[in-house]
Each structure stands twice: as C-alpha cells, then as structure tokens.
C-alpha cells in the first residue's frame, strides 16, 4: 500500500500530470477564494456595529474564522473536482504504469458530472455530521479523520475501479478488501490534512486508488508496479 502511495505521489508531480494538475489546483483555489470572499461579504453586510474599532476586530476575527472553516471545506471542494478529472488522471496512470493492460473506459460527461455531484453530496453530509463532534468532543478529530478515511477510501476506489469493471464486481472487490481500502482511505485523509498539500488530494487519491485497484484485482497487493520512473 505504501509503495502504491509513494508511486502515486511521484506521478502527480511528473510532466504527464502537469495539465490536469494546474486545472485541478486552479479551480480548487478559485472556488475556495470565492467561498471565502462571499461569506466574508455576507458577514460584513449583516453584522454592523456603530464602533469602527469593534467592527474592524469583528471583521478580522470573522476572516480568520472563515479561513479555518475553509480547511474543512477542502474535502467537499476537492471531491467535486475528483469526478471531473478522474478519467484524465487514471488514464495517465494506466498508460504510464500498466501499458500492457487493457485501458479503462472513460465515463460519459454526464456520468462524470453526476458522480462528482454525488460524491460532493456524500462528503458534505458526512462532514456536517462530523464537524459538531470536532467542535464539542475531545476526540472529535479522530471521528472526523476516521469518517473521512472510510468515505474517501470507498468513493475514490469505486471511481477508479469502475473504469475497468462493472458495479457488482467493484462492490464485491471492495467488500472483500474492505480493511485495506479503509487503510488507504485513512492515508488519503492524512494527505488531505496537510495544509497546501491537500489541494492535490484529487490527483493523489485517484492515482493511488488506480494502483490499489490494479493490485487488489490481480491479488498482488504486495506487487510493485512497473517502474514508472523510466517514463516520467
């Protein structure tokens, strides 16, 4: 699993990934900035006090609070772009590391949009449930981390695997290797918890799960994929 993660990380920084890297990072940053500016504007519009000093302090504290809150928005925002860029990312990984294997089939555009929206909805619901636990329970961060680990592992694995297998086959494979996929999800959640690095989550998670699916489907979880560094 760790070799697959290391290989995925090295690939997302390689030349073949540059195009999708800039698109994914650019759109993620643009959405986060738009969310911050929109929420900050609403707060400034509705919260009005007659004392300039107090108003400035409230504005600064609100801005900092929103900035922290956007840290929790990384998961939903990156999940939205995961469905849109998954096929591009997976195709590069397949061509680079598994050139002899049959290529995966890209989802239709409508299917990609539906997948992205569905993934976004699930992530938002889970995080809305977990966030109060983070705020009011001492072990809330552990719950938040575990919940995202399970969700990210399951959803990214299915999105990567569905390029090569039908739904029933993917579900059976996920259930058979549930523990390994959950651990992989925890690794993705850990990656997403690192500031600045977390905007690369869709690229890393997709590449990682392509490698995981290849190894689990072939029963070679300890198998080292073909050395892609020759092709980087």
C-alpha atoms as a PDB file:
ATOM      1  CA  UNK A   1       0.000   0.000   0.000  1.00  0.00           C
ATOM      2  CA  UNK A   2       2.756   2.444   0.923  1.00  0.00           C
ATOM      3  CA  UNK A   3       4.645   1.683  -2.287  1.00  0.00           C
ATOM      4  CA  UNK A   4       1.468   2.464  -4.241  1.00  0.00           C
ATOM      5  CA  UNK A   5       1.081   5.748  -2.331  1.00  0.00           C
ATOM      6  CA  UNK A   6       4.706   6.694  -2.944  1.00  0.00           C
ATOM      7  CA  UNK A   7       4.381   5.910  -6.641  1.00  0.00           C
ATOM      8  CA  UNK A   8       1.154   7.931  -6.892  1.00  0.00           C
ATOM      9  CA  UNK A   9       2.749  10.957  -5.229  1.00  0.00           C
ATOM     10  CA  UNK A  10       5.763  10.866  -7.517  1.00  0.00           C
ATOM     11  CA  UNK A  11       3.491  10.627 -10.563  1.00  0.00           C
ATOM     12  CA  UNK A  12       1.249  13.594  -9.759  1.00  0.00           C
ATOM     13  CA  UNK A  13       4.308  15.855  -9.824  1.00  0.00           C
ATOM     14  CA  UNK A  14       5.575  14.433 -13.115  1.00  0.00           C
ATOM     15  CA  UNK A  15       5.271  16.104 -16.559  1.00  0.00           C
ATOM     16  CA  UNK A  16       2.367  13.923 -17.810  1.00  0.00           C
ATOM     17  CA  UNK A  17       0.226  15.235 -14.945  1.00  0.00           C
ATOM     18  CA  UNK A  18       1.051  18.923 -15.381  1.00  0.00           C
ATOM     19  CA  UNK A  19      -2.044  19.829 -17.399  1.00  0.00           C
ATOM     20  CA  UNK A  20      -4.588  18.276 -15.069  1.00  0.00           C
ATOM     21  CA  UNK A  21      -2.532  19.435 -12.063  1.00  0.00           C
ATOM     22  CA  UNK A  22      -2.866  23.101 -12.974  1.00  0.00           C
ATOM     23  CA  UNK A  23      -6.546  22.758 -13.867  1.00  0.00           C
ATOM     24  CA  UNK A  24      -7.410  20.955 -10.638  1.00  0.00           C
ATOM     25  CA  UNK A  25      -5.366  23.229  -8.361  1.00  0.00           C
ATOM     26  CA  UNK A  26      -6.519  26.381 -10.148  1.00  0.00           C
ATOM     27  CA  UNK A  27     -10.216  25.539  -9.917  1.00  0.00           C
ATOM     28  CA  UNK A  28      -9.916  24.406  -6.302  1.00  0.00           C
ATOM     29  CA  UNK A  29      -8.181  27.632  -5.248  1.00  0.00           C
ATOM     30  CA  UNK A  30     -10.654  29.706  -7.249  1.00  0.00           C
ATOM     31  CA  UNK A  31     -13.636  28.090  -5.539  1.00  0.00           C
ATOM     32  CA  UNK A  32     -12.110  28.409  -2.069  1.00  0.00           C
ATOM     33  CA  UNK A  33     -11.327  32.100  -2.640  1.00  0.00           C
ATOM     34  CA  UNK A  34     -14.852  32.676  -3.968  1.00  0.00           C
ATOM     35  CA  UNK A  35     -16.358  30.946  -0.907  1.00  0.00           C
ATOM     36  CA  UNK A  36     -14.201  32.994   1.470  1.00  0.00           C
ATOM     37  CA  UNK A  37     -14.981  36.290  -0.274  1.00  0.00           C
ATOM     38  CA  UNK A  38     -18.711  35.522  -0.471  1.00  0.00           C
ATOM     39  CA  UNK A  39     -19.050  34.531   3.187  1.00  0.00           C
ATOM     40  CA  UNK A  40     -16.894  37.460   4.319  1.00  0.00           C
ATOM     41  CA  UNK A  41     -19.074  39.822   2.308  1.00  0.00           C
ATOM     42  CA  UNK A  42     -22.263  38.419   3.833  1.00  0.00           C
ATOM     43  CA  UNK A  43     -20.885  38.780   7.352  1.00  0.00           C
ATOM     44  CA  UNK A  44     -19.840  42.379   6.719  1.00  0.00           C
ATOM     45  CA  UNK A  45     -23.267  43.167   5.265  1.00  0.00           C
ATOM     46  CA  UNK A  46     -25.372  41.675   8.064  1.00  0.00           C
ATOM     47  CA  UNK A  47     -23.122  42.388  11.067  1.00  0.00           C
ATOM     48  CA  UNK A  48     -22.999  46.154  11.534  1.00  0.00           C
ATOM     49  CA  UNK A  49     -21.847  47.895  14.714  1.00  0.00           C
ATOM     50  CA  UNK A  50     -21.553  51.653  15.365  1.00  0.00           C
ATOM     51  CA  UNK A  51     -17.978  51.472  16.665  1.00  0.00           C
ATOM     52  CA  UNK A  52     -15.288  51.343  13.946  1.00  0.00           C
ATOM     53  CA  UNK A  53     -12.705  49.646  16.170  1.00  0.00           C
ATOM     54  CA  UNK A  54     -15.110  46.875  17.172  1.00  0.00           C
ATOM     55  CA  UNK A  55     -16.244  46.475  13.583  1.00  0.00           C
ATOM     56  CA  UNK A  56     -12.638  46.069  12.431  1.00  0.00           C
ATOM     57  CA  UNK A  57     -11.967  43.490  15.149  1.00  0.00           C
ATOM     58  CA  UNK A  58     -15.107  41.550  14.215  1.00  0.00           C
ATOM     59  CA  UNK A  59     -14.115  41.648  10.555  1.00  0.00           C
ATOM     60  CA  UNK A  60     -10.617  40.309  11.326  1.00  0.00           C
ATOM     61  CA  UNK A  61     -11.921  37.557  13.614  1.00  0.00           C
ATOM     62  CA  UNK A  62     -14.573  36.628  11.091  1.00  0.00           C
ATOM     63  CA  UNK A  63     -11.980  36.419   8.332  1.00  0.00           C
ATOM     64  CA  UNK A  64      -9.760  34.170  10.450  1.00  0.00           C
ATOM     65  CA  UNK A  65     -12.722  32.002  11.410  1.00  0.00           C
ATOM     66  CA  UNK A  66     -13.744  31.618   7.795  1.00  0.00           C
ATOM     67  CA  UNK A  67     -10.167  30.782   6.848  1.00  0.00           C
ATOM     68  CA  UNK A  68     -10.143  27.973   9.423  1.00  0.00           C
ATOM     69  CA  UNK A  69     -13.585  26.856   8.282  1.00  0.00           C
ATOM     70  CA  UNK A  70     -12.358  26.603   4.716  1.00  0.00           C
ATOM     71  CA  UNK A  71      -9.920  23.981   5.950  1.00  0.00           C
ATOM     72  CA  UNK A  72     -12.932  21.751   6.491  1.00  0.00           C
ATOM     73  CA  UNK A  73     -14.242  22.725   3.050  1.00  0.00           C
ATOM     74  CA  UNK A  74     -11.190  21.183   1.355  1.00  0.00           C
ATOM     75  CA  UNK A  75     -12.817  17.719   1.393  1.00  0.00           C
ATOM     76  CA  UNK A  76     -16.070  18.749  -0.353  1.00  0.00           C
ATOM     77  CA  UNK A  77     -14.348  21.077  -2.819  1.00  0.00           C
ATOM     78  CA  UNK A  78     -11.705  18.564  -3.868  1.00  0.00           C
ATOM     79  CA  UNK A  79     -14.353  15.844  -4.116  1.00  0.00           C
ATOM     80  CA  UNK A  80     -16.257  17.960  -6.628  1.00  0.00           C
ATOM     81  CA  UNK A  81     -13.267  18.095  -8.975  1.00  0.00           C
ATOM     82  CA  UNK A  82     -12.346  14.452  -8.401  1.00  0.00           C
ATOM     83  CA  UNK A  83     -15.219  13.262 -10.554  1.00  0.00           C
ATOM     84  CA  UNK A  84     -14.440  15.785 -13.274  1.00  0.00           C
ATOM     85  CA  UNK A  85     -10.727  14.977 -13.618  1.00  0.00           C
ATOM     86  CA  UNK A  86     -10.702  11.324 -12.597  1.00  0.00           C
ATOM     87  CA  UNK A  87     -10.585   9.894 -16.105  1.00  0.00           C
ATOM     88  CA  UNK A  88      -7.693  12.138 -17.166  1.00  0.00           C
ATOM     89  CA  UNK A  89      -5.696  11.211 -14.072  1.00  0.00           C
ATOM     90  CA  UNK A  90      -6.484   7.493 -14.263  1.00  0.00           C
ATOM     91  CA  UNK A  91      -5.630   7.343 -17.960  1.00  0.00           C
ATOM     92  CA  UNK A  92      -2.172   8.812 -17.366  1.00  0.00           C
ATOM     93  CA  UNK A  93      -1.506   6.322 -14.546  1.00  0.00           C
ATOM     94  CA  UNK A  94      -2.691   3.376 -16.645  1.00  0.00           C
ATOM     95  CA  UNK A  95      -0.606   4.368 -19.666  1.00  0.00           C
ATOM     96  CA  UNK A  96       2.483   5.063 -17.563  1.00  0.00           C
ATOM     97  CA  UNK A  97       2.483   2.160 -15.112  1.00  0.00           C
ATOM     98  CA  UNK A  98       0.366  -0.502 -16.828  1.00  0.00           C
ATOM     99  CA  UNK A  99       0.852  -0.074 -20.589  1.00  0.00           C
ATOM    100  CA  UNK A 100       0.308  -3.794 -21.274  1.00  0.00           C
ATOM    101  CA  UNK A 101      -3.081  -3.904 -19.514  1.00  0.00           C
ATOM    102  CA  UNK A 102      -6.387  -3.136 -21.247  1.00  0.00           C
ATOM    103  CA  UNK A 103      -7.139   0.588 -20.870  1.00  0.00           C
ATOM    104  CA  UNK A 104     -10.031   1.753 -18.737  1.00  0.00           C
ATOM    105  CA  UNK A 105     -13.193   3.208 -20.229  1.00  0.00           C
ATOM    106  CA  UNK A 106     -13.867   6.865 -19.516  1.00  0.00           C
ATOM    107  CA  UNK A 107     -17.281   7.767 -18.155  1.00  0.00           C
ATOM    108  CA  UNK A 108     -19.556   9.928 -20.315  1.00  0.00           C
ATOM    109  CA  UNK A 109     -19.516  13.633 -19.438  1.00  0.00           C
ATOM    110  CA  UNK A 110     -22.965  13.411 -17.842  1.00  0.00           C
ATOM    111  CA  UNK A 111     -21.847  10.421 -15.805  1.00  0.00           C
ATOM    112  CA  UNK A 112     -18.759  12.316 -14.632  1.00  0.00           C
ATOM    113  CA  UNK A 113     -20.882  15.271 -13.532  1.00  0.00           C
ATOM    114  CA  UNK A 114     -23.363  13.018 -11.718  1.00  0.00           C
ATOM    115  CA  UNK A 115     -20.509  11.179  -9.996  1.00  0.00           C
ATOM    116  CA  UNK A 116     -18.917  14.462  -8.924  1.00  0.00           C
ATOM    117  CA  UNK A 117     -22.191  15.809  -7.542  1.00  0.00           C
ATOM    118  CA  UNK A 118     -22.991  12.527  -5.755  1.00  0.00           C
ATOM    119  CA  UNK A 119     -19.526  12.403  -4.225  1.00  0.00           C
ATOM    120  CA  UNK A 120     -19.848  16.046  -3.168  1.00  0.00           C
ATOM    121  CA  UNK A 121     -23.208  15.361  -1.511  1.00  0.00           C
ATOM    122  CA  UNK A 122     -21.932  12.366   0.441  1.00  0.00           C
ATOM    123  CA  UNK A 123     -18.804  14.206   1.610  1.00  0.00           C
ATOM    124  CA  UNK A 124     -20.843  17.244   2.719  1.00  0.00           C
ATOM    125  CA  UNK A 125     -23.294  15.072   4.699  1.00  0.00           C
ATOM    126  CA  UNK A 126     -20.535  13.136   6.448  1.00  0.00           C
ATOM    127  CA  UNK A 127     -18.610  16.292   7.311  1.00  0.00           C
ATOM    128  CA  UNK A 128     -21.728  18.091   8.541  1.00  0.00           C
ATOM    129  CA  UNK A 129     -22.217  15.175  10.932  1.00  0.00           C
ATOM    130  CA  UNK A 130     -18.574  15.033  11.976  1.00  0.00           C
ATOM    131  CA  UNK A 131     -17.917  18.781  12.353  1.00  0.00           C
ATOM    132  CA  UNK A 132     -20.036  19.258  15.536  1.00  0.00           C
ATOM    133  CA  UNK A 133     -18.150  16.325  17.061  1.00  0.00           C
ATOM    134  CA  UNK A 134     -14.864  18.071  16.254  1.00  0.00           C
ATOM    135  CA  UNK A 135     -16.080  21.254  17.943  1.00  0.00           C
ATOM    136  CA  UNK A 136     -17.686  19.769  21.070  1.00  0.00           C
ATOM    137  CA  UNK A 137     -15.905  16.471  21.766  1.00  0.00           C
ATOM    138  CA  UNK A 138     -12.297  15.983  22.742  1.00  0.00           C
ATOM    139  CA  UNK A 139     -11.961  13.035  20.370  1.00  0.00           C
ATOM    140  CA  UNK A 140     -13.891  14.738  17.594  1.00  0.00           C
ATOM    141  CA  UNK A 141     -10.871  14.998  15.309  1.00  0.00           C
ATOM    142  CA  UNK A 142     -10.421  11.231  15.482  1.00  0.00           C
ATOM    143  CA  UNK A 143     -14.041  10.721  14.431  1.00  0.00           C
ATOM    144  CA  UNK A 144     -13.622  13.295  11.676  1.00  0.00           C
ATOM    145  CA  UNK A 145     -10.477  11.569  10.446  1.00  0.00           C
ATOM    146  CA  UNK A 146     -11.985   8.049  10.538  1.00  0.00           C
ATOM    147  CA  UNK A 147     -15.210   9.181   8.834  1.00  0.00           C
ATOM    148  CA  UNK A 148     -13.299  10.833   6.008  1.00  0.00           C
ATOM    149  CA  UNK A 149     -10.937   7.862   5.748  1.00  0.00           C
ATOM    150  CA  UNK A 150     -13.827   5.470   5.219  1.00  0.00           C
ATOM    151  CA  UNK A 151     -15.619   7.774   2.810  1.00  0.00           C
ATOM    152  CA  UNK A 152     -12.576   8.757   0.741  1.00  0.00           C
ATOM    153  CA  UNK A 153     -11.315   5.179   0.522  1.00  0.00           C
ATOM    154  CA  UNK A 154     -14.659   3.838  -0.633  1.00  0.00           C
ATOM    155  CA  UNK A 155     -15.535   6.577  -3.114  1.00  0.00           C
ATOM    156  CA  UNK A 156     -12.132   7.001  -4.749  1.00  0.00           C
ATOM    157  CA  UNK A 157     -11.680   3.240  -5.045  1.00  0.00           C
ATOM    158  CA  UNK A 158     -15.064   2.817  -6.718  1.00  0.00           C
ATOM    159  CA  UNK A 159     -14.480   5.702  -9.123  1.00  0.00           C
ATOM    160  CA  UNK A 160     -11.122   4.275 -10.180  1.00  0.00           C
ATOM    161  CA  UNK A 161     -12.341   0.667 -10.381  1.00  0.00           C
ATOM    162  CA  UNK A 162     -15.491   1.414 -12.392  1.00  0.00           C
ATOM    163  CA  UNK A 163     -13.305   2.325 -15.368  1.00  0.00           C
ATOM    164  CA  UNK A 164     -12.377  -1.348 -15.687  1.00  0.00           C
ATOM    165  CA  UNK A 165     -15.183  -3.343 -14.036  1.00  0.00           C
ATOM    166  CA  UNK A 166     -18.941  -3.305 -13.650  1.00  0.00           C
ATOM    167  CA  UNK A 167     -20.663  -2.101 -10.475  1.00  0.00           C
ATOM    168  CA  UNK A 168     -21.323  -5.537  -8.970  1.00  0.00           C
ATOM    169  CA  UNK A 169     -17.716  -6.650  -9.495  1.00  0.00           C
ATOM    170  CA  UNK A 170     -16.388  -3.451  -7.955  1.00  0.00           C
ATOM    171  CA  UNK A 171     -18.727  -3.766  -4.961  1.00  0.00           C
ATOM    172  CA  UNK A 172     -17.669  -7.372  -4.361  1.00  0.00           C
ATOM    173  CA  UNK A 173     -13.975  -6.434  -4.617  1.00  0.00           C
ATOM    174  CA  UNK A 174     -14.439  -3.519  -2.228  1.00  0.00           C
ATOM    175  CA  UNK A 175     -16.211  -5.688   0.323  1.00  0.00           C
ATOM    176  CA  UNK A 176     -13.591  -8.429   0.075  1.00  0.00           C
ATOM    177  CA  UNK A 177     -10.746  -5.976   0.656  1.00  0.00           C
ATOM    178  CA  UNK A 178     -12.596  -3.538   2.902  1.00  0.00           C
ATOM    179  CA  UNK A 179      -9.854  -3.275   5.529  1.00  0.00           C
ATOM    180  CA  UNK A 180      -7.120  -2.465   3.020  1.00  0.00           C
ATOM    181  CA  UNK A 181      -9.301   0.092   1.232  1.00  0.00           C
ATOM    182  CA  UNK A 182     -10.182   1.705   4.567  1.00  0.00           C
ATOM    183  CA  UNK A 183      -6.492   1.970   5.489  1.00  0.00           C
ATOM    184  CA  UNK A 184      -5.817   3.503   2.074  1.00  0.00           C
ATOM    185  CA  UNK A 185      -8.638   5.967   2.778  1.00  0.00           C
ATOM    186  CA  UNK A 186      -7.025   6.907   6.088  1.00  0.00           C
ATOM    187  CA  UNK A 187      -3.801   7.615   4.211  1.00  0.00           C
ATOM    188  CA  UNK A 188      -5.722   9.875   1.805  1.00  0.00           C
ATOM    189  CA  UNK A 189      -7.384  11.620   4.779  1.00  0.00           C
ATOM    190  CA  UNK A 190      -3.944  12.169   6.281  1.00  0.00           C
ATOM    191  CA  UNK A 191      -2.717  13.618   2.989  1.00  0.00           C
ATOM    192  CA  UNK A 192      -5.743  15.923   2.931  1.00  0.00           C
ATOM    193  CA  UNK A 193      -4.953  17.144   6.466  1.00  0.00           C
ATOM    194  CA  UNK A 194      -1.617  18.647   5.373  1.00  0.00           C
ATOM    195  CA  UNK A 195      -2.070  22.368   4.595  1.00  0.00           C
ATOM    196  CA  UNK A 196      -1.341  23.409   0.982  1.00  0.00           C
ATOM    197  CA  UNK A 197      -0.570  19.809   0.029  1.00  0.00           C
ATOM    198  CA  UNK A 198      -4.257  18.985   0.464  1.00  0.00           C
ATOM    199  CA  UNK A 199      -5.245  20.792  -2.735  1.00  0.00           C
ATOM    200  CA  UNK A 200      -3.528  17.934  -4.585  1.00  0.00           C
ATOM    201  CA  UNK A 201      -5.851  15.385  -2.937  1.00  0.00           C
ATOM    202  CA  UNK A 202      -7.930  14.523  -6.052  1.00  0.00           C
ATOM    203  CA  UNK A 203      -4.797  13.803  -8.098  1.00  0.00           C
ATOM    204  CA  UNK A 204      -3.052  11.820  -5.376  1.00  0.00           C
ATOM    205  CA  UNK A 205      -6.149   9.862  -4.311  1.00  0.00           C
ATOM    206  CA  UNK A 206      -7.129   8.918  -7.855  1.00  0.00           C
ATOM    207  CA  UNK A 207      -3.625   7.810  -8.855  1.00  0.00           C
ATOM    208  CA  UNK A 208      -3.262   5.939  -5.557  1.00  0.00           C
ATOM    209  CA  UNK A 209      -6.552   4.085  -5.996  1.00  0.00           C
ATOM    210  CA  UNK A 210      -5.764   3.129  -9.588  1.00  0.00           C
ATOM    211  CA  UNK A 211      -2.660   1.377  -8.256  1.00  0.00           C
ATOM    212  CA  UNK A 212      -4.623  -0.144  -5.369  1.00  0.00           C
ATOM    213  CA  UNK A 213      -7.318  -1.477  -7.691  1.00  0.00           C
ATOM    214  CA  UNK A 214      -4.762  -2.989 -10.055  1.00  0.00           C
ATOM    215  CA  UNK A 215      -3.055  -4.802  -7.198  1.00  0.00           C
ATOM    216  CA  UNK A 216      -6.176  -5.929  -5.366  1.00  0.00           C
ATOM    217  CA  UNK A 217      -7.930  -7.102  -8.533  1.00  0.00           C
ATOM    218  CA  UNK A 218      -4.920  -9.192  -9.512  1.00  0.00           C
ATOM    219  CA  UNK A 219      -4.306 -10.452  -5.986  1.00  0.00           C
ATOM    220  CA  UNK A 220      -0.898  -8.777  -5.977  1.00  0.00           C
ATOM    221  CA  UNK A 221      -1.250  -6.260  -3.179  1.00  0.00           C
ATOM    222  CA  UNK A 222       2.433  -6.646  -2.434  1.00  0.00           C
ATOM    223  CA  UNK A 223       3.314  -6.406  -6.113  1.00  0.00           C
ATOM    224  CA  UNK A 224       5.478  -3.500  -7.119  1.00  0.00           C
ATOM    225  CA  UNK A 225       4.048  -1.868 -10.209  1.00  0.00           C
ATOM    226  CA  UNK A 226       6.257  -1.499 -13.241  1.00  0.00           C
ATOM    227  CA  UNK A 227       8.819   1.150 -12.501  1.00  0.00           C
ATOM    228  CA  UNK A 228       7.161   4.248 -13.908  1.00  0.00           C
ATOM    229  CA  UNK A 229      10.141   6.473 -13.235  1.00  0.00           C
ATOM    230  CA  UNK A 230      11.558   5.403 -16.587  1.00  0.00           C
ATOM    231  CA  UNK A 231       8.566   7.046 -18.204  1.00  0.00           C
ATOM    232  CA  UNK A 232       8.459  10.208 -16.110  1.00  0.00           C
END
